Amino acid sequence: MKKGDDMTKLKKIAMLTVAVATLGTATVGAINAAAENPHPWLIDQWDHSSKNGSTNAYSNYSVLDSRLYGSIAYVNNRLGVTRSYDSEDYGMAYSSHKQDKLDLGTKSYPGWNVYYFGR
């Protein structure tokens, strides 16, 4: 092989590496965006602890849309028991829970929801 062929091959490998890295970053960005704005058609924002569960979980959710929908933030334990709950007609709903004896050693999980408060 000639030296020029090696350089061409090296350039192709470098371009492929950059393309894969760019695609990977774009995919991760799209996943994060979906997690931060979970409602399919309302403008919203969700800030939360790990969805895989933790001993100190929090969920802050807000509907930013001008329509008459309120925000609900909650934290449930693994048993399905709601350990913390907040709702707001306008603005951010804040909810957090630190593991205690009533959780029976289970982790806590953040959640969100909306409700309509118009007529």
PDB file of N, CA and C in Angstrom:
ATOM      1  N   MET A   1       0.833  -1.181   0.000  1.00  0.00           N
ATOM      2  CA  MET A   1       0.000   0.000   0.000  1.00  0.00           C
ATOM      3  C   MET A   1       0.877   1.244   0.000  1.00  0.00           C
ATOM      4  N   LYS A   2       0.358   2.265  -0.602  1.00  0.00           N
ATOM      5  CA  LYS A   2       1.077   3.525  -0.660  1.00  0.00           C
ATOM      6  C   LYS A   2       0.727   4.374   0.551  1.00  0.00           C
ATOM      7  N   LYS A   3       1.592   5.343   0.804  1.00  0.00           N
ATOM      8  CA  LYS A   3       1.381   6.247   1.930  1.00  0.00           C
ATOM      9  C   LYS A   3       0.083   7.049   1.757  1.00  0.00           C
ATOM     10  N   GLY A   4      -0.231   7.449   0.534  1.00  0.00           N
ATOM     11  CA  GLY A   4      -1.453   8.209   0.257  1.00  0.00           C
ATOM     12  C   GLY A   4      -2.705   7.406   0.564  1.00  0.00           C
ATOM     13  N   ASP A   5      -2.677   6.094   0.275  1.00  0.00           N
ATOM     14  CA  ASP A   5      -3.824   5.234   0.565  1.00  0.00           C
ATOM     15  C   ASP A   5      -4.071   5.135   2.070  1.00  0.00           C
ATOM     16  N   ASP A   6      -2.983   5.069   2.837  1.00  0.00           N
ATOM     17  CA  ASP A   6      -3.114   5.015   4.293  1.00  0.00           C
ATOM     18  C   ASP A   6      -3.748   6.296   4.836  1.00  0.00           C
ATOM     19  N   MET A   7      -3.344   7.444   4.287  1.00  0.00           N
ATOM     20  CA  MET A   7      -3.898   8.727   4.732  1.00  0.00           C
ATOM     21  C   MET A   7      -5.380   8.832   4.380  1.00  0.00           C
ATOM     22  N   THR A   8      -5.763   8.351   3.197  1.00  0.00           N
ATOM     23  CA  THR A   8      -7.163   8.381   2.784  1.00  0.00           C
ATOM     24  C   THR A   8      -7.999   7.509   3.710  1.00  0.00           C
ATOM     25  N   LYS A   9      -7.472   6.337   4.024  1.00  0.00           N
ATOM     26  CA  LYS A   9      -8.177   5.426   4.921  1.00  0.00           C
ATOM     27  C   LYS A   9      -8.322   6.053   6.314  1.00  0.00           C
ATOM     28  N   LEU A  10      -7.268   6.709   6.787  1.00  0.00           N
ATOM     29  CA  LEU A  10      -7.288   7.366   8.091  1.00  0.00           C
ATOM     30  C   LEU A  10      -8.321   8.501   8.120  1.00  0.00           C
ATOM     31  N   LYS A  11      -8.398   9.273   7.032  1.00  0.00           N
ATOM     32  CA  LYS A  11      -9.380  10.359   6.946  1.00  0.00           C
ATOM     33  C   LYS A  11     -10.801   9.806   6.979  1.00  0.00           C
ATOM     34  N   LYS A  12     -11.037   8.697   6.270  1.00  0.00           N
ATOM     35  CA  LYS A  12     -12.365   8.088   6.249  1.00  0.00           C
ATOM     36  C   LYS A  12     -12.768   7.609   7.642  1.00  0.00           C
ATOM     37  N   ILE A  13     -11.821   7.015   8.338  1.00  0.00           N
ATOM     38  CA  ILE A  13     -12.092   6.538   9.700  1.00  0.00           C
ATOM     39  C   ILE A  13     -12.404   7.718  10.617  1.00  0.00           C
ATOM     40  N   ALA A  14     -11.641   8.805  10.480  1.00  0.00           N
ATOM     41  CA  ALA A  14     -11.870   9.991  11.310  1.00  0.00           C
ATOM     42  C   ALA A  14     -13.245  10.590  11.034  1.00  0.00           C
ATOM     43  N   MET A  15     -13.636  10.675   9.760  1.00  0.00           N
ATOM     44  CA  MET A  15     -14.948  11.232   9.409  1.00  0.00           C
ATOM     45  C   MET A  15     -16.075  10.348   9.940  1.00  0.00           C
ATOM     46  N   LEU A  16     -15.901   9.032   9.870  1.00  0.00           N
ATOM     47  CA  LEU A  16     -16.904   8.108  10.383  1.00  0.00           C
ATOM     48  C   LEU A  16     -17.046   8.256  11.899  1.00  0.00           C
ATOM     49  N   THR A  17     -15.918   8.405  12.584  1.00  0.00           N
ATOM     50  CA  THR A  17     -15.933   8.579  14.035  1.00  0.00           C
ATOM     51  C   THR A  17     -16.689   9.849  14.426  1.00  0.00           C
ATOM     52  N   VAL A  18     -16.427  10.943  13.725  1.00  0.00           N
ATOM     53  CA  VAL A  18     -17.112  12.206  14.004  1.00  0.00           C
ATOM     54  C   VAL A  18     -18.609  12.067  13.738  1.00  0.00           C
ATOM     55  N   ALA A  19     -18.975  11.392  12.658  1.00  0.00           N
ATOM     56  CA  ALA A  19     -20.393  11.206  12.324  1.00  0.00           C
ATOM     57  C   ALA A  19     -21.110  10.402  13.403  1.00  0.00           C
ATOM     58  N   VAL A  20     -20.493   9.333  13.873  1.00  0.00           N
ATOM     59  CA  VAL A  20     -21.094   8.498  14.916  1.00  0.00           C
ATOM     60  C   VAL A  20     -21.218   9.284  16.219  1.00  0.00           C
ATOM     61  N   ALA A  21     -20.187  10.045  16.580  1.00  0.00           N
ATOM     62  CA  ALA A  21     -20.225  10.837  17.809  1.00  0.00           C
ATOM     63  C   ALA A  21     -21.316  11.906  17.735  1.00  0.00           C
ATOM     64  N   THR A  22     -21.458  12.541  16.586  1.00  0.00           N
ATOM     65  CA  THR A  22     -22.491  13.567  16.419  1.00  0.00           C
ATOM     66  C   THR A  22     -23.879  12.963  16.516  1.00  0.00           C
ATOM     67  N   LEU A  23     -24.093  11.831  15.879  1.00  0.00           N
ATOM     68  CA  LEU A  23     -25.388  11.159  15.923  1.00  0.00           C
ATOM     69  C   LEU A  23     -25.719  10.734  17.350  1.00  0.00           C
ATOM     70  N   GLY A  24     -24.729  10.220  18.069  1.00  0.00           N
ATOM     71  CA  GLY A  24     -24.938   9.808  19.456  1.00  0.00           C
ATOM     72  C   GLY A  24     -25.335  10.976  20.336  1.00  0.00           C
ATOM     73  N   THR A  25     -24.704  12.127  20.159  1.00  0.00           N
ATOM     74  CA  THR A  25     -25.029  13.320  20.934  1.00  0.00           C
ATOM     75  C   THR A  25     -26.430  13.810  20.612  1.00  0.00           C
ATOM     76  N   ALA A  26     -26.801  13.784  19.350  1.00  0.00           N
ATOM     77  CA  ALA A  26     -28.144  14.225  18.956  1.00  0.00           C
ATOM     78  C   ALA A  26     -29.208  13.312  19.555  1.00  0.00           C
ATOM     79  N   THR A  27     -28.951  12.020  19.582  1.00  0.00           N
ATOM     80  CA  THR A  27     -29.908  11.072  20.148  1.00  0.00           C
ATOM     81  C   THR A  27     -30.079  11.304  21.641  1.00  0.00           C
ATOM     82  N   VAL A  28     -28.984  11.501  22.363  1.00  0.00           N
ATOM     83  CA  VAL A  28     -29.050  11.759  23.803  1.00  0.00           C
ATOM     84  C   VAL A  28     -29.795  13.058  24.068  1.00  0.00           C
ATOM     85  N   GLY A  29     -29.560  14.089  23.269  1.00  0.00           N
ATOM     86  CA  GLY A  29     -30.265  15.358  23.428  1.00  0.00           C
ATOM     87  C   GLY A  29     -31.757  15.193  23.246  1.00  0.00           C
ATOM     88  N   ALA A  30     -32.157  14.386  22.288  1.00  0.00           N
ATOM     89  CA  ALA A  30     -33.584  14.160  22.048  1.00  0.00           C
ATOM     90  C   ALA A  30     -34.214  13.408  23.213  1.00  0.00           C
ATOM     91  N   ILE A  31     -33.502  12.462  23.780  1.00  0.00           N
ATOM     92  CA  ILE A  31     -34.021  11.706  24.924  1.00  0.00           C
ATOM     93  C   ILE A  31     -34.187  12.632  26.123  1.00  0.00           C
ATOM     94  N   ASN A  32     -33.194  13.492  26.385  1.00  0.00           N
ATOM     95  CA  ASN A  32     -33.292  14.428  27.496  1.00  0.00           C
ATOM     96  C   ASN A  32     -34.441  15.404  27.306  1.00  0.00           C
ATOM     97  N   ALA A  33     -34.640  15.877  26.086  1.00  0.00           N
ATOM     98  CA  ALA A  33     -35.725  16.822  25.823  1.00  0.00           C
ATOM     99  C   ALA A  33     -37.077  16.176  26.100  1.00  0.00           C
ATOM    100  N   ALA A  34     -37.228  14.921  25.754  1.00  0.00           N
ATOM    101  CA  ALA A  34     -38.493  14.223  25.999  1.00  0.00           C
ATOM    102  C   ALA A  34     -38.735  14.058  27.493  1.00  0.00           C
ATOM    103  N   ALA A  35     -37.688  13.839  28.259  1.00  0.00           N
ATOM    104  CA  ALA A  35     -37.826  13.661  29.699  1.00  0.00           C
ATOM    105  C   ALA A  35     -38.159  14.982  30.387  1.00  0.00           C
ATOM    106  N   GLU A  36     -37.700  16.097  29.853  1.00  0.00           N
ATOM    107  CA  GLU A  36     -37.926  17.395  30.463  1.00  0.00           C
ATOM    108  C   GLU A  36     -39.281  17.987  30.094  1.00  0.00           C
ATOM    109  N   ASN A  37     -39.856  17.568  28.988  1.00  0.00           N
ATOM    110  CA  ASN A  37     -41.162  18.059  28.532  1.00  0.00           C
ATOM    111  C   ASN A  37     -42.037  16.859  28.200  1.00  0.00           C
ATOM    112  N   PRO A  38     -42.546  16.173  29.226  1.00  0.00           N
ATOM    113  CA  PRO A  38     -43.184  14.877  28.991  1.00  0.00           C
ATOM    114  C   PRO A  38     -44.590  14.911  28.391  1.00  0.00           C
ATOM    115  N   HIS A  39     -45.334  15.991  28.575  1.00  0.00           N
ATOM    116  CA  HIS A  39     -46.710  16.000  28.061  1.00  0.00           C
ATOM    117  C   HIS A  39     -46.696  16.107  26.538  1.00  0.00           C
ATOM    118  N   PRO A  40     -47.516  15.318  25.855  1.00  0.00           N
ATOM    119  CA  PRO A  40     -47.458  15.291  24.391  1.00  0.00           C
ATOM    120  C   PRO A  40     -47.927  16.563  23.691  1.00  0.00           C
ATOM    121  N   TRP A  41     -48.826  17.366  24.295  1.00  0.00           N
ATOM    122  CA  TRP A  41     -49.306  18.547  23.574  1.00  0.00           C
ATOM    123  C   TRP A  41     -49.374  19.828  24.399  1.00  0.00           C
ATOM    124  N   LEU A  42     -49.143  19.784  25.703  1.00  0.00           N
ATOM    125  CA  LEU A  42     -49.064  20.997  26.510  1.00  0.00           C
ATOM    126  C   LEU A  42     -47.612  21.443  26.616  1.00  0.00           C
ATOM    127  N   ILE A  43     -47.402  22.737  26.754  1.00  0.00           N
ATOM    128  CA  ILE A  43     -46.053  23.248  27.001  1.00  0.00           C
ATOM    129  C   ILE A  43     -45.802  23.084  28.495  1.00  0.00           C
ATOM    130  N   ASP A  44     -44.802  22.300  28.846  1.00  0.00           N
ATOM    131  CA  ASP A  44     -44.569  21.981  30.247  1.00  0.00           C
ATOM    132  C   ASP A  44     -43.088  21.836  30.533  1.00  0.00           C
ATOM    133  N   GLN A  45     -42.782  21.663  31.824  1.00  0.00           N
ATOM    134  CA  GLN A  45     -41.403  21.466  32.265  1.00  0.00           C
ATOM    135  C   GLN A  45     -41.416  20.556  33.484  1.00  0.00           C
ATOM    136  N   TRP A  46     -40.534  19.537  33.465  1.00  0.00           N
ATOM    137  CA  TRP A  46     -40.459  18.597  34.581  1.00  0.00           C
ATOM    138  C   TRP A  46     -39.016  18.448  35.022  1.00  0.00           C
ATOM    139  N   ASP A  47     -38.769  18.751  36.277  1.00  0.00           N
ATOM    140  CA  ASP A  47     -37.462  18.574  36.896  1.00  0.00           C
ATOM    141  C   ASP A  47     -37.640  17.489  37.950  1.00  0.00           C
ATOM    142  N   HIS A  48     -36.814  16.456  37.924  1.00  0.00           N
ATOM    143  CA  HIS A  48     -37.053  15.320  38.810  1.00  0.00           C
ATOM    144  C   HIS A  48     -35.771  14.573  39.132  1.00  0.00           C
ATOM    145  N   SER A  49     -35.846  13.771  40.189  1.00  0.00           N
ATOM    146  CA  SER A  49     -34.749  12.867  40.523  1.00  0.00           C
ATOM    147  C   SER A  49     -34.827  11.660  39.596  1.00  0.00           C
ATOM    148  N   SER A  50     -33.973  10.702  39.806  1.00  0.00           N
ATOM    149  CA  SER A  50     -33.901   9.522  38.941  1.00  0.00           C
ATOM    150  C   SER A  50     -35.227   8.783  38.852  1.00  0.00           C
ATOM    151  N   LYS A  51     -35.631   8.429  37.624  1.00  0.00           N
ATOM    152  CA  LYS A  51     -36.855   7.650  37.442  1.00  0.00           C
ATOM    153  C   LYS A  51     -36.625   6.182  37.799  1.00  0.00           C
ATOM    154  N   ASN A  52     -35.374   5.804  38.078  1.00  0.00           N
ATOM    155  CA  ASN A  52     -35.052   4.436  38.480  1.00  0.00           C
ATOM    156  C   ASN A  52     -35.213   4.238  39.978  1.00  0.00           C
ATOM    157  N   GLY A  53     -35.617   5.285  40.677  1.00  0.00           N
ATOM    158  CA  GLY A  53     -35.838   5.180  42.113  1.00  0.00           C
ATOM    159  C   GLY A  53     -34.655   5.685  42.916  1.00  0.00           C
ATOM    160  N   SER A  54     -34.943   6.255  44.077  1.00  0.00           N
ATOM    161  CA  SER A  54     -33.898   6.742  44.968  1.00  0.00           C
ATOM    162  C   SER A  54     -34.460   6.813  46.385  1.00  0.00           C
ATOM    163  N   THR A  55     -33.581   7.048  47.352  1.00  0.00           N
ATOM    164  CA  THR A  55     -34.021   7.162  48.740  1.00  0.00           C
ATOM    165  C   THR A  55     -34.417   8.597  49.080  1.00  0.00           C
ATOM    166  N   ASN A  56     -34.100   9.537  48.215  1.00  0.00           N
ATOM    167  CA  ASN A  56     -34.463  10.940  48.408  1.00  0.00           C
ATOM    168  C   ASN A  56     -34.951  11.473  47.062  1.00  0.00           C
ATOM    169  N   ALA A  57     -36.235  11.304  46.774  1.00  0.00           N
ATOM    170  CA  ALA A  57     -36.779  11.625  45.452  1.00  0.00           C
ATOM    171  C   ALA A  57     -37.505  12.964  45.458  1.00  0.00           C
ATOM    172  N   TYR A  58     -37.494  13.627  44.299  1.00  0.00           N
ATOM    173  CA  TYR A  58     -38.250  14.864  44.151  1.00  0.00           C
ATOM    174  C   TYR A  58     -38.840  14.957  42.750  1.00  0.00           C
ATOM    175  N   SER A  59     -39.908  15.737  42.637  1.00  0.00           N
ATOM    176  CA  SER A  59     -40.573  15.974  41.360  1.00  0.00           C
ATOM    177  C   SER A  59     -41.112  17.399  41.362  1.00  0.00           C
ATOM    178  N   ASN A  60     -40.663  18.209  40.417  1.00  0.00           N
ATOM    179  CA  ASN A  60     -41.139  19.581  40.253  1.00  0.00           C
ATOM    180  C   ASN A  60     -41.711  19.687  38.849  1.00  0.00           C
ATOM    181  N   TYR A  61     -43.012  19.940  38.741  1.00  0.00           N
ATOM    182  CA  TYR A  61     -43.666  19.941  37.433  1.00  0.00           C
ATOM    183  C   TYR A  61     -44.496  21.203  37.253  1.00  0.00           C
ATOM    184  N   SER A  62     -44.440  21.776  36.049  1.00  0.00           N
ATOM    185  CA  SER A  62     -45.191  22.988  35.758  1.00  0.00           C
ATOM    186  C   SER A  62     -45.744  22.952  34.340  1.00  0.00           C
ATOM    187  N   VAL A  63     -47.028  23.291  34.209  1.00  0.00           N
ATOM    188  CA  VAL A  63     -47.632  23.497  32.893  1.00  0.00           C
ATOM    189  C   VAL A  63     -47.412  24.966  32.554  1.00  0.00           C
ATOM    190  N   LEU A  64     -46.662  25.238  31.497  1.00  0.00           N
ATOM    191  CA  LEU A  64     -46.356  26.605  31.096  1.00  0.00           C
ATOM    192  C   LEU A  64     -47.347  27.127  30.062  1.00  0.00           C
ATOM    193  N   ASP A  65     -48.215  26.268  29.604  1.00  0.00           N
ATOM    194  CA  ASP A  65     -49.213  26.591  28.591  1.00  0.00           C
ATOM    195  C   ASP A  65     -50.232  27.583  29.155  1.00  0.00           C
ATOM    196  N   SER A  66     -50.803  28.434  28.312  1.00  0.00           N
ATOM    197  CA  SER A  66     -51.772  29.431  28.778  1.00  0.00           C
ATOM    198  C   SER A  66     -53.180  28.865  28.951  1.00  0.00           C
ATOM    199  N   ARG A  67     -53.394  27.623  28.532  1.00  0.00           N
ATOM    200  CA  ARG A  67     -54.714  27.005  28.730  1.00  0.00           C
ATOM    201  C   ARG A  67     -54.932  26.674  30.208  1.00  0.00           C
ATOM    202  N   LEU A  68     -56.135  26.351  30.592  1.00  0.00           N
ATOM    203  CA  LEU A  68     -56.496  26.167  31.999  1.00  0.00           C
ATOM    204  C   LEU A  68     -56.188  24.753  32.500  1.00  0.00           C
ATOM    205  N   TYR A  69     -54.914  24.419  32.513  1.00  0.00           N
ATOM    206  CA  TYR A  69     -54.475  23.125  33.031  1.00  0.00           C
ATOM    207  C   TYR A  69     -53.530  23.353  34.195  1.00  0.00           C
ATOM    208  N   GLY A  70     -53.755  22.635  35.282  1.00  0.00           N
ATOM    209  CA  GLY A  70     -52.915  22.739  36.456  1.00  0.00           C
ATOM    210  C   GLY A  70     -51.842  21.666  36.468  1.00  0.00           C
ATOM    211  N   SER A  71     -50.872  21.848  37.359  1.00  0.00           N
ATOM    212  CA  SER A  71     -49.716  20.957  37.474  1.00  0.00           C
ATOM    213  C   SER A  71     -49.833  20.086  38.715  1.00  0.00           C
ATOM    214  N   ILE A  72     -49.472  18.826  38.575  1.00  0.00           N
ATOM    215  CA  ILE A  72     -49.422  17.897  39.702  1.00  0.00           C
ATOM    216  C   ILE A  72     -48.033  17.271  39.739  1.00  0.00           C
ATOM    217  N   ALA A  73     -47.415  17.300  40.913  1.00  0.00           N
ATOM    218  CA  ALA A  73     -46.135  16.623  41.129  1.00  0.00           C
ATOM    219  C   ALA A  73     -46.311  15.677  42.307  1.00  0.00           C
ATOM    220  N   TYR A  74     -45.780  14.471  42.185  1.00  0.00           N
ATOM    221  CA  TYR A  74     -45.910  13.516  43.281  1.00  0.00           C
ATOM    222  C   TYR A  74     -44.705  12.586  43.328  1.00  0.00           C
ATOM    223  N   VAL A  75     -44.559  11.937  44.486  1.00  0.00           N
ATOM    224  CA  VAL A  75     -43.531  10.911  44.676  1.00  0.00           C
ATOM    225  C   VAL A  75     -44.224   9.697  45.278  1.00  0.00           C
ATOM    226  N   ASN A  76     -44.097   8.564  44.625  1.00  0.00           N
ATOM    227  CA  ASN A  76     -44.653   7.295  45.114  1.00  0.00           C
ATOM    228  C   ASN A  76     -43.519   6.377  45.531  1.00  0.00           C
ATOM    229  N   ASN A  77     -43.804   5.488  46.497  1.00  0.00           N
ATOM    230  CA  ASN A  77     -42.812   4.464  46.803  1.00  0.00           C
ATOM    231  C   ASN A  77     -43.073   3.230  45.940  1.00  0.00           C
ATOM    232  N   ARG A  78     -42.241   2.238  46.055  1.00  0.00           N
ATOM    233  CA  ARG A  78     -42.338   1.038  45.214  1.00  0.00           C
ATOM    234  C   ARG A  78     -43.656   0.287  45.430  1.00  0.00           C
ATOM    235  N   LEU A  79     -44.272   0.488  46.582  1.00  0.00           N
ATOM    236  CA  LEU A  79     -45.533  -0.170  46.898  1.00  0.00           C
ATOM    237  C   LEU A  79     -46.725   0.533  46.248  1.00  0.00           C
ATOM    238  N   GLY A  80     -46.473   1.671  45.577  1.00  0.00           N
ATOM    239  CA  GLY A  80     -47.537   2.420  44.923  1.00  0.00           C
ATOM    240  C   GLY A  80     -48.218   3.437  45.819  1.00  0.00           C
ATOM    241  N   VAL A  81     -47.697   3.624  47.018  1.00  0.00           N
ATOM    242  CA  VAL A  81     -48.275   4.574  47.967  1.00  0.00           C
ATOM    243  C   VAL A  81     -47.713   5.967  47.678  1.00  0.00           C
ATOM    244  N   THR A  82     -48.599   6.949  47.548  1.00  0.00           N
ATOM    245  CA  THR A  82     -48.158   8.325  47.324  1.00  0.00           C
ATOM    246  C   THR A  82     -47.597   8.874  48.626  1.00  0.00           C
ATOM    247  N   ARG A  83     -46.327   9.241  48.612  1.00  0.00           N
ATOM    248  CA  ARG A  83     -45.652   9.722  49.820  1.00  0.00           C
ATOM    249  C   ARG A  83     -45.574  11.244  49.870  1.00  0.00           C
ATOM    250  N   SER A  84     -45.691  11.901  48.725  1.00  0.00           N
ATOM    251  CA  SER A  84     -45.678  13.357  48.677  1.00  0.00           C
ATOM    252  C   SER A  84     -46.476  13.798  47.457  1.00  0.00           C
ATOM    253  N   TYR A  85     -47.251  14.893  47.606  1.00  0.00           N
ATOM    254  CA  TYR A  85     -48.143  15.324  46.532  1.00  0.00           C
ATOM    255  C   TYR A  85     -48.326  16.834  46.597  1.00  0.00           C
ATOM    256  N   ASP A  86     -48.329  17.482  45.449  1.00  0.00           N
ATOM    257  CA  ASP A  86     -48.612  18.912  45.383  1.00  0.00           C
ATOM    258  C   ASP A  86     -49.293  19.209  44.052  1.00  0.00           C
ATOM    259  N   SER A  87     -50.218  20.176  44.075  1.00  0.00           N
ATOM    260  CA  SER A  87     -50.865  20.609  42.834  1.00  0.00           C
ATOM    261  C   SER A  87     -50.982  22.126  42.839  1.00  0.00           C
ATOM    262  N   GLU A  88     -50.881  22.719  41.665  1.00  0.00           N
ATOM    263  CA  GLU A  88     -50.968  24.167  41.508  1.00  0.00           C
ATOM    264  C   GLU A  88     -51.762  24.492  40.254  1.00  0.00           C
ATOM    265  N   ASP A  89     -52.703  25.447  40.367  1.00  0.00           N
ATOM    266  CA  ASP A  89     -53.425  25.894  39.180  1.00  0.00           C
ATOM    267  C   ASP A  89     -52.481  26.625  38.226  1.00  0.00           C
ATOM    268  N   TYR A  90     -51.659  27.502  38.775  1.00  0.00           N
ATOM    269  CA  TYR A  90     -50.678  28.245  37.981  1.00  0.00           C
ATOM    270  C   TYR A  90     -49.312  28.072  38.631  1.00  0.00           C
ATOM    271  N   GLY A  91     -48.301  27.810  37.851  1.00  0.00           N
ATOM    272  CA  GLY A  91     -46.948  27.718  38.380  1.00  0.00           C
ATOM    273  C   GLY A  91     -46.509  26.293  38.663  1.00  0.00           C
ATOM    274  N   MET A  92     -45.412  26.202  39.373  1.00  0.00           N
ATOM    275  CA  MET A  92     -44.728  24.937  39.621  1.00  0.00           C
ATOM    276  C   MET A  92     -45.308  24.224  40.836  1.00  0.00           C
ATOM    277  N   ALA A  93     -45.546  22.930  40.700  1.00  0.00           N
ATOM    278  CA  ALA A  93     -45.926  22.073  41.827  1.00  0.00           C
ATOM    279  C   ALA A  93     -44.652  21.383  42.313  1.00  0.00           C
ATOM    280  N   TYR A  94     -44.383  21.451  43.618  1.00  0.00           N
ATOM    281  CA  TYR A  94     -43.158  20.897  44.198  1.00  0.00           C
ATOM    282  C   TYR A  94     -43.493  19.718  45.100  1.00  0.00           C
ATOM    283  N   SER A  95     -42.743  18.643  44.946  1.00  0.00           N
ATOM    284  CA  SER A  95     -42.969  17.462  45.765  1.00  0.00           C
ATOM    285  C   SER A  95     -41.631  16.776  46.021  1.00  0.00           C
ATOM    286  N   SER A  96     -41.402  16.363  47.264  1.00  0.00           N
ATOM    287  CA  SER A  96     -40.174  15.621  47.576  1.00  0.00           C
ATOM    288  C   SER A  96     -40.436  14.682  48.749  1.00  0.00           C
ATOM    289  N   HIS A  97     -39.654  13.632  48.816  1.00  0.00           N
ATOM    290  CA  HIS A  97     -39.819  12.651  49.892  1.00  0.00           C
ATOM    291  C   HIS A  97     -38.490  11.965  50.161  1.00  0.00           C
ATOM    292  N   LYS A  98     -38.139  11.898  51.442  1.00  0.00           N
ATOM    293  CA  LYS A  98     -36.951  11.162  51.872  1.00  0.00           C
ATOM    294  C   LYS A  98     -37.418   9.854  52.498  1.00  0.00           C
ATOM    295  N   GLN A  99     -36.772   8.768  52.125  1.00  0.00           N
ATOM    296  CA  GLN A  99     -37.172   7.432  52.583  1.00  0.00           C
ATOM    297  C   GLN A  99     -37.284   7.381  54.112  1.00  0.00           C
ATOM    298  N   ASP A 100     -38.355   6.749  54.605  1.00  0.00           N
ATOM    299  CA  ASP A 100     -38.539   6.559  56.041  1.00  0.00           C
ATOM    300  C   ASP A 100     -39.040   5.133  56.316  1.00  0.00           C
ATOM    301  N   LYS A 101     -39.381   4.844  57.574  1.00  0.00           N
ATOM    302  CA  LYS A 101     -39.788   3.487  57.964  1.00  0.00           C
ATOM    303  C   LYS A 101     -41.050   3.014  57.239  1.00  0.00           C
ATOM    304  N   LEU A 102     -41.966   3.926  56.942  1.00  0.00           N
ATOM    305  CA  LEU A 102     -43.217   3.543  56.284  1.00  0.00           C
ATOM    306  C   LEU A 102     -43.017   3.067  54.839  1.00  0.00           C
ATOM    307  N   ASP A 103     -41.851   3.338  54.273  1.00  0.00           N
ATOM    308  CA  ASP A 103     -41.564   2.878  52.909  1.00  0.00           C
ATOM    309  C   ASP A 103     -41.097   1.423  52.878  1.00  0.00           C
ATOM    310  N   LEU A 104     -40.854   0.846  54.041  1.00  0.00           N
ATOM    311  CA  LEU A 104     -40.418  -0.554  54.165  1.00  0.00           C
ATOM    312  C   LEU A 104     -39.190  -0.858  53.313  1.00  0.00           C
ATOM    313  N   GLY A 105     -38.273   0.094  53.255  1.00  0.00           N
ATOM    314  CA  GLY A 105     -37.017  -0.110  52.537  1.00  0.00           C
ATOM    315  C   GLY A 105     -37.107   0.033  51.029  1.00  0.00           C
ATOM    316  N   THR A 106     -38.258   0.422  50.502  1.00  0.00           N
ATOM    317  CA  THR A 106     -38.389   0.566  49.049  1.00  0.00           C
ATOM    318  C   THR A 106     -37.932   1.955  48.605  1.00  0.00           C
ATOM    319  N   LYS A 107     -37.523   2.063  47.356  1.00  0.00           N
ATOM    320  CA  LYS A 107     -37.120   3.343  46.787  1.00  0.00           C
ATOM    321  C   LYS A 107     -38.357   4.163  46.426  1.00  0.00           C
ATOM    322  N   SER A 108     -38.144   5.462  46.190  1.00  0.00           N
ATOM    323  CA  SER A 108     -39.227   6.357  45.793  1.00  0.00           C
ATOM    324  C   SER A 108     -39.048   6.785  44.343  1.00  0.00           C
ATOM    325  N   TYR A 109     -40.165   7.055  43.674  1.00  0.00           N
ATOM    326  CA  TYR A 109     -40.161   7.366  42.248  1.00  0.00           C
ATOM    327  C   TYR A 109     -40.950   8.640  41.979  1.00  0.00           C
ATOM    328  N   PRO A 110     -40.394   9.580  41.180  1.00  0.00           N
ATOM    329  CA  PRO A 110     -41.092  10.827  40.881  1.00  0.00           C
ATOM    330  C   PRO A 110     -42.167  10.640  39.816  1.00  0.00           C
ATOM    331  N   GLY A 111     -43.163  11.534  39.819  1.00  0.00           N
ATOM    332  CA  GLY A 111     -44.206  11.480  38.802  1.00  0.00           C
ATOM    333  C   GLY A 111     -44.822  12.847  38.572  1.00  0.00           C
ATOM    334  N   TRP A 112     -45.614  12.958  37.529  1.00  0.00           N
ATOM    335  CA  TRP A 112     -46.286  14.209  37.170  1.00  0.00           C
ATOM    336  C   TRP A 112     -47.648  13.901  36.567  1.00  0.00           C
ATOM    337  N   ASN A 113     -48.511  14.912  36.557  1.00  0.00           N
ATOM    338  CA  ASN A 113     -49.800  14.786  35.891  1.00  0.00           C
ATOM    339  C   ASN A 113     -50.367  16.188  35.691  1.00  0.00           C
ATOM    340  N   VAL A 114     -51.477  16.287  34.977  1.00  0.00           N
ATOM    341  CA  VAL A 114     -52.151  17.567  34.766  1.00  0.00           C
ATOM    342  C   VAL A 114     -53.632  17.414  35.089  1.00  0.00           C
ATOM    343  N   TYR A 115     -54.305  18.524  35.333  1.00  0.00           N
ATOM    344  CA  TYR A 115     -55.755  18.508  35.516  1.00  0.00           C
ATOM    345  C   TYR A 115     -56.322  19.786  34.906  1.00  0.00           C
ATOM    346  N   TYR A 116     -57.552  19.719  34.484  1.00  0.00           N
ATOM    347  CA  TYR A 116     -58.236  20.865  33.887  1.00  0.00           C
ATOM    348  C   TYR A 116     -59.027  21.582  34.974  1.00  0.00           C
ATOM    349  N   PHE A 117     -58.827  22.889  35.137  1.00  0.00           N
ATOM    350  CA  PHE A 117     -59.555  23.617  36.169  1.00  0.00           C
ATOM    351  C   PHE A 117     -60.495  24.681  35.598  1.00  0.00           C
ATOM    352  N   GLY A 118     -60.762  24.599  34.304  1.00  0.00           N
ATOM    353  CA  GLY A 118     -61.744  25.498  33.691  1.00  0.00           C
ATOM    354  C   GLY A 118     -63.150  24.960  33.917  1.00  0.00           C
ATOM    355  N   ARG A 119     -64.115  25.547  33.304  1.00  0.00           N
ATOM    356  CA  ARG A 119     -65.511  25.096  33.461  1.00  0.00           C
ATOM    357  C   ARG A 119     -65.786  23.859  32.720  1.00  0.00           C
TER     358      ARG A 119
END
